[in-house]
PDB file of N, CA and C in Angstrom:
ATOM      1  N   MET A   1       0.836  -1.174   0.000  1.00  0.00           N
ATOM      2  CA  MET A   1       0.000   0.000   0.000  1.00  0.00           C
ATOM      3  C   MET A   1       0.888   1.247   0.000  1.00  0.00           C
ATOM      4  N   PRO A   2       0.775   2.126  -0.993  1.00  0.00           N
ATOM      5  CA  PRO A   2       1.562   3.359  -1.024  1.00  0.00           C
ATOM      6  C   PRO A   2       1.115   4.327   0.073  1.00  0.00           C
ATOM      7  N   GLN A   3       2.086   4.939   0.737  1.00  0.00           N
ATOM      8  CA  GLN A   3       1.775   5.898   1.797  1.00  0.00           C
ATOM      9  C   GLN A   3       2.504   7.209   1.542  1.00  0.00           C
ATOM     10  N   LEU A   4       1.855   8.279   1.943  1.00  0.00           N
ATOM     11  CA  LEU A   4       2.439   9.616   1.873  1.00  0.00           C
ATOM     12  C   LEU A   4       2.517  10.156   3.286  1.00  0.00           C
ATOM     13  N   LEU A   5       3.673  10.661   3.666  1.00  0.00           N
ATOM     14  CA  LEU A   5       3.819  11.320   4.960  1.00  0.00           C
ATOM     15  C   LEU A   5       3.650  12.815   4.732  1.00  0.00           C
ATOM     16  N   HIS A   6       2.571  13.365   5.258  1.00  0.00           N
ATOM     17  CA  HIS A   6       2.220  14.774   5.094  1.00  0.00           C
ATOM     18  C   HIS A   6       2.627  15.496   6.371  1.00  0.00           C
ATOM     19  N   LEU A   7       3.664  16.337   6.285  1.00  0.00           N
ATOM     20  CA  LEU A   7       4.160  17.082   7.436  1.00  0.00           C
ATOM     21  C   LEU A   7       3.821  18.556   7.301  1.00  0.00           C
ATOM     22  N   ASP A   8       3.286  19.124   8.343  1.00  0.00           N
ATOM     23  CA  ASP A   8       3.076  20.564   8.436  1.00  0.00           C
ATOM     24  C   ASP A   8       3.831  21.059   9.654  1.00  0.00           C
ATOM     25  N   SER A   9       4.388  22.288   9.531  1.00  0.00           N
ATOM     26  CA  SER A   9       5.106  22.826  10.679  1.00  0.00           C
ATOM     27  C   SER A   9       4.972  24.337  10.806  1.00  0.00           C
ATOM     28  N   TYR A  10       4.391  24.985   9.822  1.00  0.00           N
ATOM     29  CA  TYR A  10       4.302  26.438   9.866  1.00  0.00           C
ATOM     30  C   TYR A  10       3.431  26.877  11.040  1.00  0.00           C
ATOM     31  N   ALA A  11       3.844  27.921  11.742  1.00  0.00           N
ATOM     32  CA  ALA A  11       3.201  28.331  12.983  1.00  0.00           C
ATOM     33  C   ALA A  11       1.840  29.007  12.799  1.00  0.00           C
ATOM     34  N   ASP A  12       1.558  29.537  11.616  1.00  0.00           N
ATOM     35  CA  ASP A  12       0.286  30.223  11.393  1.00  0.00           C
ATOM     36  C   ASP A  12      -0.585  29.378  10.467  1.00  0.00           C
ATOM     37  N   PRO A  13      -1.421  28.516  11.031  1.00  0.00           N
ATOM     38  CA  PRO A  13      -2.205  27.608  10.187  1.00  0.00           C
ATOM     39  C   PRO A  13      -3.240  28.294   9.315  1.00  0.00           C
ATOM     40  N   ASN A  14      -3.643  29.511   9.654  1.00  0.00           N
ATOM     41  CA  ASN A  14      -4.683  30.202   8.883  1.00  0.00           C
ATOM     42  C   ASN A  14      -4.161  30.943   7.664  1.00  0.00           C
ATOM     43  N   ASN A  15      -2.900  31.343   7.658  1.00  0.00           N
ATOM     44  CA  ASN A  15      -2.353  32.142   6.565  1.00  0.00           C
ATOM     45  C   ASN A  15      -1.152  31.482   5.906  1.00  0.00           C
ATOM     46  N   SER A  16      -1.047  30.194   6.012  1.00  0.00           N
ATOM     47  CA  SER A  16       0.113  29.474   5.499  1.00  0.00           C
ATOM     48  C   SER A  16      -0.100  28.997   4.066  1.00  0.00           C
ATOM     49  N   VAL A  17       0.765  29.437   3.173  1.00  0.00           N
ATOM     50  CA  VAL A  17       0.724  28.967   1.790  1.00  0.00           C
ATOM     51  C   VAL A  17       1.239  27.535   1.731  1.00  0.00           C
ATOM     52  N   SER A  18       2.276  27.227   2.499  1.00  0.00           N
ATOM     53  CA  SER A  18       2.842  25.872   2.456  1.00  0.00           C
ATOM     54  C   SER A  18       1.833  24.836   2.963  1.00  0.00           C
ATOM     55  N   ARG A  19       1.016  25.194   3.955  1.00  0.00           N
ATOM     56  CA  ARG A  19      -0.020  24.273   4.434  1.00  0.00           C
ATOM     57  C   ARG A  19      -1.066  24.022   3.353  1.00  0.00           C
ATOM     58  N   ALA A  20      -1.402  25.048   2.601  1.00  0.00           N
ATOM     59  CA  ALA A  20      -2.372  24.883   1.513  1.00  0.00           C
ATOM     60  C   ALA A  20      -1.806  23.984   0.417  1.00  0.00           C
ATOM     61  N   VAL A  21      -0.537  24.160   0.105  1.00  0.00           N
ATOM     62  CA  VAL A  21       0.104  23.344  -0.930  1.00  0.00           C
ATOM     63  C   VAL A  21       0.188  21.882  -0.490  1.00  0.00           C
ATOM     64  N   THR A  22       0.621  21.645   0.747  1.00  0.00           N
ATOM     65  CA  THR A  22       0.738  20.257   1.205  1.00  0.00           C
ATOM     66  C   THR A  22      -0.633  19.601   1.346  1.00  0.00           C
ATOM     67  N   ALA A  23      -1.647  20.358   1.740  1.00  0.00           N
ATOM     68  CA  ALA A  23      -2.994  19.801   1.841  1.00  0.00           C
ATOM     69  C   ALA A  23      -3.517  19.403   0.463  1.00  0.00           C
ATOM     70  N   HIS A  24      -3.276  20.260  -0.532  1.00  0.00           N
ATOM     71  CA  HIS A  24      -3.707  19.945  -1.892  1.00  0.00           C
ATOM     72  C   HIS A  24      -2.981  18.696  -2.403  1.00  0.00           C
ATOM     73  N   SER A  25      -1.677  18.652  -2.204  1.00  0.00           N
ATOM     74  CA  SER A  25      -0.891  17.494  -2.647  1.00  0.00           C
ATOM     75  C   SER A  25      -1.369  16.217  -1.965  1.00  0.00           C
ATOM     76  N   SER A  26      -1.657  16.321  -0.698  1.00  0.00           N
ATOM     77  CA  SER A  26      -2.143  15.172   0.057  1.00  0.00           C
ATOM     78  C   SER A  26      -3.499  14.701  -0.475  1.00  0.00           C
ATOM     79  N   ASP A  27      -4.377  15.651  -0.764  1.00  0.00           N
ATOM     80  CA  ASP A  27      -5.695  15.312  -1.309  1.00  0.00           C
ATOM     81  C   ASP A  27      -5.574  14.625  -2.665  1.00  0.00           C
ATOM     82  N   VAL A  28      -4.730  15.157  -3.537  1.00  0.00           N
ATOM     83  CA  VAL A  28      -4.537  14.571  -4.871  1.00  0.00           C
ATOM     84  C   VAL A  28      -3.973  13.158  -4.740  1.00  0.00           C
ATOM     85  N   TRP A  29      -3.025  12.976  -3.849  1.00  0.00           N
ATOM     86  CA  TRP A  29      -2.438  11.658  -3.619  1.00  0.00           C
ATOM     87  C   TRP A  29      -3.519  10.658  -3.188  1.00  0.00           C
ATOM     88  N   HIS A  30      -4.309  11.061  -2.215  1.00  0.00           N
ATOM     89  CA  HIS A  30      -5.339  10.171  -1.665  1.00  0.00           C
ATOM     90  C   HIS A  30      -6.421   9.852  -2.699  1.00  0.00           C
ATOM     91  N   GLU A  31      -6.719  10.782  -3.583  1.00  0.00           N
ATOM     92  CA  GLU A  31      -7.744  10.570  -4.610  1.00  0.00           C
ATOM     93  C   GLU A  31      -7.286   9.610  -5.706  1.00  0.00           C
ATOM     94  N   GLN A  32      -5.992   9.337  -5.797  1.00  0.00           N
ATOM     95  CA  GLN A  32      -5.474   8.457  -6.839  1.00  0.00           C
ATOM     96  C   GLN A  32      -6.048   7.049  -6.741  1.00  0.00           C
ATOM     97  N   SER A  33      -6.203   6.582  -5.518  1.00  0.00           N
ATOM     98  CA  SER A  33      -6.661   5.216  -5.304  1.00  0.00           C
ATOM     99  C   SER A  33      -7.008   5.046  -3.828  1.00  0.00           C
ATOM    100  N   PRO A  34      -7.917   4.148  -3.519  1.00  0.00           N
ATOM    101  CA  PRO A  34      -8.211   3.873  -2.109  1.00  0.00           C
ATOM    102  C   PRO A  34      -6.998   3.304  -1.366  1.00  0.00           C
ATOM    103  N   ASP A  35      -6.054   2.744  -2.105  1.00  0.00           N
ATOM    104  CA  ASP A  35      -4.839   2.196  -1.494  1.00  0.00           C
ATOM    105  C   ASP A  35      -3.817   3.268  -1.121  1.00  0.00           C
ATOM    106  N   HIS A  36      -3.965   4.472  -1.657  1.00  0.00           N
ATOM    107  CA  HIS A  36      -3.023   5.553  -1.361  1.00  0.00           C
ATOM    108  C   HIS A  36      -3.410   6.193  -0.028  1.00  0.00           C
ATOM    109  N   SER A  37      -2.689   5.843   1.011  1.00  0.00           N
ATOM    110  CA  SER A  37      -3.010   6.386   2.332  1.00  0.00           C
ATOM    111  C   SER A  37      -2.109   7.570   2.661  1.00  0.00           C
ATOM    112  N   VAL A  38      -2.576   8.381   3.593  1.00  0.00           N
ATOM    113  CA  VAL A  38      -1.851   9.579   4.017  1.00  0.00           C
ATOM    114  C   VAL A  38      -1.696   9.542   5.526  1.00  0.00           C
ATOM    115  N   ILE A  39      -0.483   9.748   5.979  1.00  0.00           N
ATOM    116  CA  ILE A  39      -0.199   9.927   7.404  1.00  0.00           C
ATOM    117  C   ILE A  39       0.097  11.406   7.588  1.00  0.00           C
ATOM    118  N   HIS A  40      -0.719  12.097   8.375  1.00  0.00           N
ATOM    119  CA  HIS A  40      -0.545  13.532   8.563  1.00  0.00           C
ATOM    120  C   HIS A  40       0.026  13.809   9.944  1.00  0.00           C
ATOM    121  N   ARG A  41       1.037  14.656   9.975  1.00  0.00           N
ATOM    122  CA  ARG A  41       1.644  15.058  11.256  1.00  0.00           C
ATOM    123  C   ARG A  41       1.817  16.569  11.230  1.00  0.00           C
ATOM    124  N   ASP A  42       1.253  17.246  12.221  1.00  0.00           N
ATOM    125  CA  ASP A  42       1.403  18.694  12.357  1.00  0.00           C
ATOM    126  C   ASP A  42       2.399  18.953  13.484  1.00  0.00           C
ATOM    127  N   LEU A  43       3.585  19.341  13.116  1.00  0.00           N
ATOM    128  CA  LEU A  43       4.662  19.514  14.100  1.00  0.00           C
ATOM    129  C   LEU A  43       4.512  20.787  14.921  1.00  0.00           C
ATOM    130  N   HIS A  44       3.633  21.683  14.495  1.00  0.00           N
ATOM    131  CA  HIS A  44       3.374  22.884  15.295  1.00  0.00           C
ATOM    132  C   HIS A  44       2.309  22.602  16.353  1.00  0.00           C
ATOM    133  N   ARG A  45       1.236  21.948  15.948  1.00  0.00           N
ATOM    134  CA  ARG A  45       0.151  21.652  16.895  1.00  0.00           C
ATOM    135  C   ARG A  45       0.485  20.499  17.833  1.00  0.00           C
ATOM    136  N   ASP A  46       1.294  19.573  17.371  1.00  0.00           N
ATOM    137  CA  ASP A  46       1.664  18.398  18.165  1.00  0.00           C
ATOM    138  C   ASP A  46       3.171  18.173  18.029  1.00  0.00           C
ATOM    139  N   PRO A  47       3.987  19.023  18.671  1.00  0.00           N
ATOM    140  CA  PRO A  47       5.440  18.936  18.500  1.00  0.00           C
ATOM    141  C   PRO A  47       6.023  17.644  19.077  1.00  0.00           C
ATOM    142  N   LEU A  48       7.108  17.226  18.486  1.00  0.00           N
ATOM    143  CA  LEU A  48       7.824  16.066  19.005  1.00  0.00           C
ATOM    144  C   LEU A  48       8.473  16.432  20.330  1.00  0.00           C
ATOM    145  N   PRO A  49       8.545  15.496  21.261  1.00  0.00           N
ATOM    146  CA  PRO A  49       9.179  15.813  22.543  1.00  0.00           C
ATOM    147  C   PRO A  49      10.691  15.956  22.381  1.00  0.00           C
ATOM    148  N   HIS A  50      11.260  16.802  23.198  1.00  0.00           N
ATOM    149  CA  HIS A  50      12.708  16.952  23.208  1.00  0.00           C
ATOM    150  C   HIS A  50      13.328  15.782  23.958  1.00  0.00           C
ATOM    151  N   LEU A  51      14.501  15.384  23.513  1.00  0.00           N
ATOM    152  CA  LEU A  51      15.203  14.316  24.215  1.00  0.00           C
ATOM    153  C   LEU A  51      15.742  14.863  25.527  1.00  0.00           C
ATOM    154  N   PRO A  52      15.569  14.137  26.624  1.00  0.00           N
ATOM    155  CA  PRO A  52      15.975  14.648  27.928  1.00  0.00           C
ATOM    156  C   PRO A  52      17.486  14.661  28.150  1.00  0.00           C
ATOM    157  N   THR A  53      18.237  13.978  27.292  1.00  0.00           N
ATOM    158  CA  THR A  53      19.687  13.948  27.440  1.00  0.00           C
ATOM    159  C   THR A  53      20.334  13.810  26.066  1.00  0.00           C
ATOM    160  N   SER A  54      21.479  14.424  25.886  1.00  0.00           N
ATOM    161  CA  SER A  54      22.172  14.348  24.591  1.00  0.00           C
ATOM    162  C   SER A  54      22.655  12.936  24.298  1.00  0.00           C
ATOM    163  N   ALA A  55      22.748  12.095  25.302  1.00  0.00           N
ATOM    164  CA  ALA A  55      23.177  10.710  25.080  1.00  0.00           C
ATOM    165  C   ALA A  55      22.201   9.962  24.183  1.00  0.00           C
ATOM    166  N   LEU A  56      20.947  10.402  24.134  1.00  0.00           N
ATOM    167  CA  LEU A  56      19.956   9.745  23.298  1.00  0.00           C
ATOM    168  C   LEU A  56      20.094  10.103  21.818  1.00  0.00           C
ATOM    169  N   HIS A  57      20.966  11.025  21.486  1.00  0.00           N
ATOM    170  CA  HIS A  57      21.179  11.404  20.093  1.00  0.00           C
ATOM    171  C   HIS A  57      21.974  10.342  19.338  1.00  0.00           C
ATOM    172  N   TRP A  58      22.602   9.458  20.030  1.00  0.00           N
ATOM    173  CA  TRP A  58      23.506   8.485  19.411  1.00  0.00           C
ATOM    174  C   TRP A  58      22.960   7.069  19.534  1.00  0.00           C
ATOM    175  N   ALA A  59      23.311   6.251  18.564  1.00  0.00           N
ATOM    176  CA  ALA A  59      23.026   4.825  18.680  1.00  0.00           C
ATOM    177  C   ALA A  59      23.857   4.282  19.837  1.00  0.00           C
ATOM    178  N   PRO A  60      23.355   3.293  20.558  1.00  0.00           N
ATOM    179  CA  PRO A  60      24.083   2.799  21.733  1.00  0.00           C
ATOM    180  C   PRO A  60      25.546   2.438  21.449  1.00  0.00           C
ATOM    181  N   HIS A  61      25.827   1.861  20.292  1.00  0.00           N
ATOM    182  CA  HIS A  61      27.218   1.456  20.014  1.00  0.00           C
ATOM    183  C   HIS A  61      28.119   2.655  19.688  1.00  0.00           C
ATOM    184  N   LEU A  62      27.556   3.846  19.487  1.00  0.00           N
ATOM    185  CA  LEU A  62      28.365   5.036  19.209  1.00  0.00           C
ATOM    186  C   LEU A  62      28.579   5.918  20.434  1.00  0.00           C
ATOM    187  N   MET A  63      27.897   5.584  21.528  1.00  0.00           N
ATOM    188  CA  MET A  63      28.031   6.398  22.733  1.00  0.00           C
ATOM    189  C   MET A  63      29.365   6.134  23.411  1.00  0.00           C
ATOM    190  N   THR A  64      29.927   7.191  23.972  1.00  0.00           N
ATOM    191  CA  THR A  64      31.162   7.057  24.732  1.00  0.00           C
ATOM    192  C   THR A  64      30.818   6.579  26.145  1.00  0.00           C
ATOM    193  N   PRO A  65      31.776   6.036  26.857  1.00  0.00           N
ATOM    194  CA  PRO A  65      31.487   5.527  28.211  1.00  0.00           C
ATOM    195  C   PRO A  65      30.928   6.581  29.164  1.00  0.00           C
ATOM    196  N   ASP A  66      31.242   7.868  28.947  1.00  0.00           N
ATOM    197  CA  ASP A  66      30.742   8.905  29.855  1.00  0.00           C
ATOM    198  C   ASP A  66      29.314   9.353  29.517  1.00  0.00           C
ATOM    199  N   GLU A  67      28.754   8.868  28.404  1.00  0.00           N
ATOM    200  CA  GLU A  67      27.378   9.202  28.051  1.00  0.00           C
ATOM    201  C   GLU A  67      26.449   8.121  28.609  1.00  0.00           C
ATOM    202  N   VAL A  68      25.708   8.483  29.629  1.00  0.00           N
ATOM    203  CA  VAL A  68      24.837   7.540  30.309  1.00  0.00           C
ATOM    204  C   VAL A  68      23.391   7.988  30.125  1.00  0.00           C
ATOM    205  N   VAL A  69      22.556   7.056  29.744  1.00  0.00           N
ATOM    206  CA  VAL A  69      21.133   7.348  29.589  1.00  0.00           C
ATOM    207  C   VAL A  69      20.425   6.950  30.878  1.00  0.00           C
ATOM    208  N   PRO A  70      19.806   7.912  31.536  1.00  0.00           N
ATOM    209  CA  PRO A  70      19.067   7.573  32.756  1.00  0.00           C
ATOM    210  C   PRO A  70      17.952   6.576  32.461  1.00  0.00           C
ATOM    211  N   ALA A  71      17.681   5.703  33.399  1.00  0.00           N
ATOM    212  CA  ALA A  71      16.672   4.650  33.204  1.00  0.00           C
ATOM    213  C   ALA A  71      15.303   5.225  32.848  1.00  0.00           C
ATOM    214  N   ASP A  72      14.929   6.367  33.441  1.00  0.00           N
ATOM    215  CA  ASP A  72      13.609   6.943  33.162  1.00  0.00           C
ATOM    216  C   ASP A  72      13.537   7.618  31.793  1.00  0.00           C
ATOM    217  N   ALA A  73      14.675   7.776  31.103  1.00  0.00           N
ATOM    218  CA  ALA A  73      14.692   8.403  29.777  1.00  0.00           C
ATOM    219  C   ALA A  73      14.759   7.377  28.659  1.00  0.00           C
ATOM    220  N   ARG A  74      14.946   6.125  28.980  1.00  0.00           N
ATOM    221  CA  ARG A  74      15.094   5.099  27.945  1.00  0.00           C
ATOM    222  C   ARG A  74      13.848   4.935  27.072  1.00  0.00           C
ATOM    223  N   HIS A  75      12.673   5.286  27.587  1.00  0.00           N
ATOM    224  CA  HIS A  75      11.446   5.170  26.788  1.00  0.00           C
ATOM    225  C   HIS A  75      11.443   6.132  25.620  1.00  0.00           C
ATOM    226  N   CYS A  76      12.304   7.168  25.628  1.00  0.00           N
ATOM    227  CA  CYS A  76      12.364   8.142  24.540  1.00  0.00           C
ATOM    228  C   CYS A  76      13.107   7.614  23.325  1.00  0.00           C
ATOM    229  N   ARG A  77      13.936   6.618  23.530  1.00  0.00           N
ATOM    230  CA  ARG A  77      14.757   6.089  22.439  1.00  0.00           C
ATOM    231  C   ARG A  77      13.882   5.329  21.452  1.00  0.00           C
ATOM    232  N   ARG A  78      14.042   5.639  20.179  1.00  0.00           N
ATOM    233  CA  ARG A  78      13.328   4.946  19.109  1.00  0.00           C
ATOM    234  C   ARG A  78      14.307   4.059  18.382  1.00  0.00           C
ATOM    235  N   ARG A  79      13.888   2.861  18.031  1.00  0.00           N
ATOM    236  CA  ARG A  79      14.790   1.952  17.331  1.00  0.00           C
ATOM    237  C   ARG A  79      14.405   1.879  15.885  1.00  0.00           C
TER     238      ARG A  79
END
């Protein structure tokens, strides 16, 4: 099944040209076929959480010994 990831991030949803363009593109994509699905993410209305420690920026095998991830922050790591 073909999927389109539709991302919006502009802070002014009412006057955004880029939001109008991405919405139109998303609509055209979805109209192509019932199999063409769209995943929409608005990064302004629903921002991604910040990582609580810089150690989470690295894959575990790239971390130095002094970079420790606290146990309560491990849920933030995506694999």
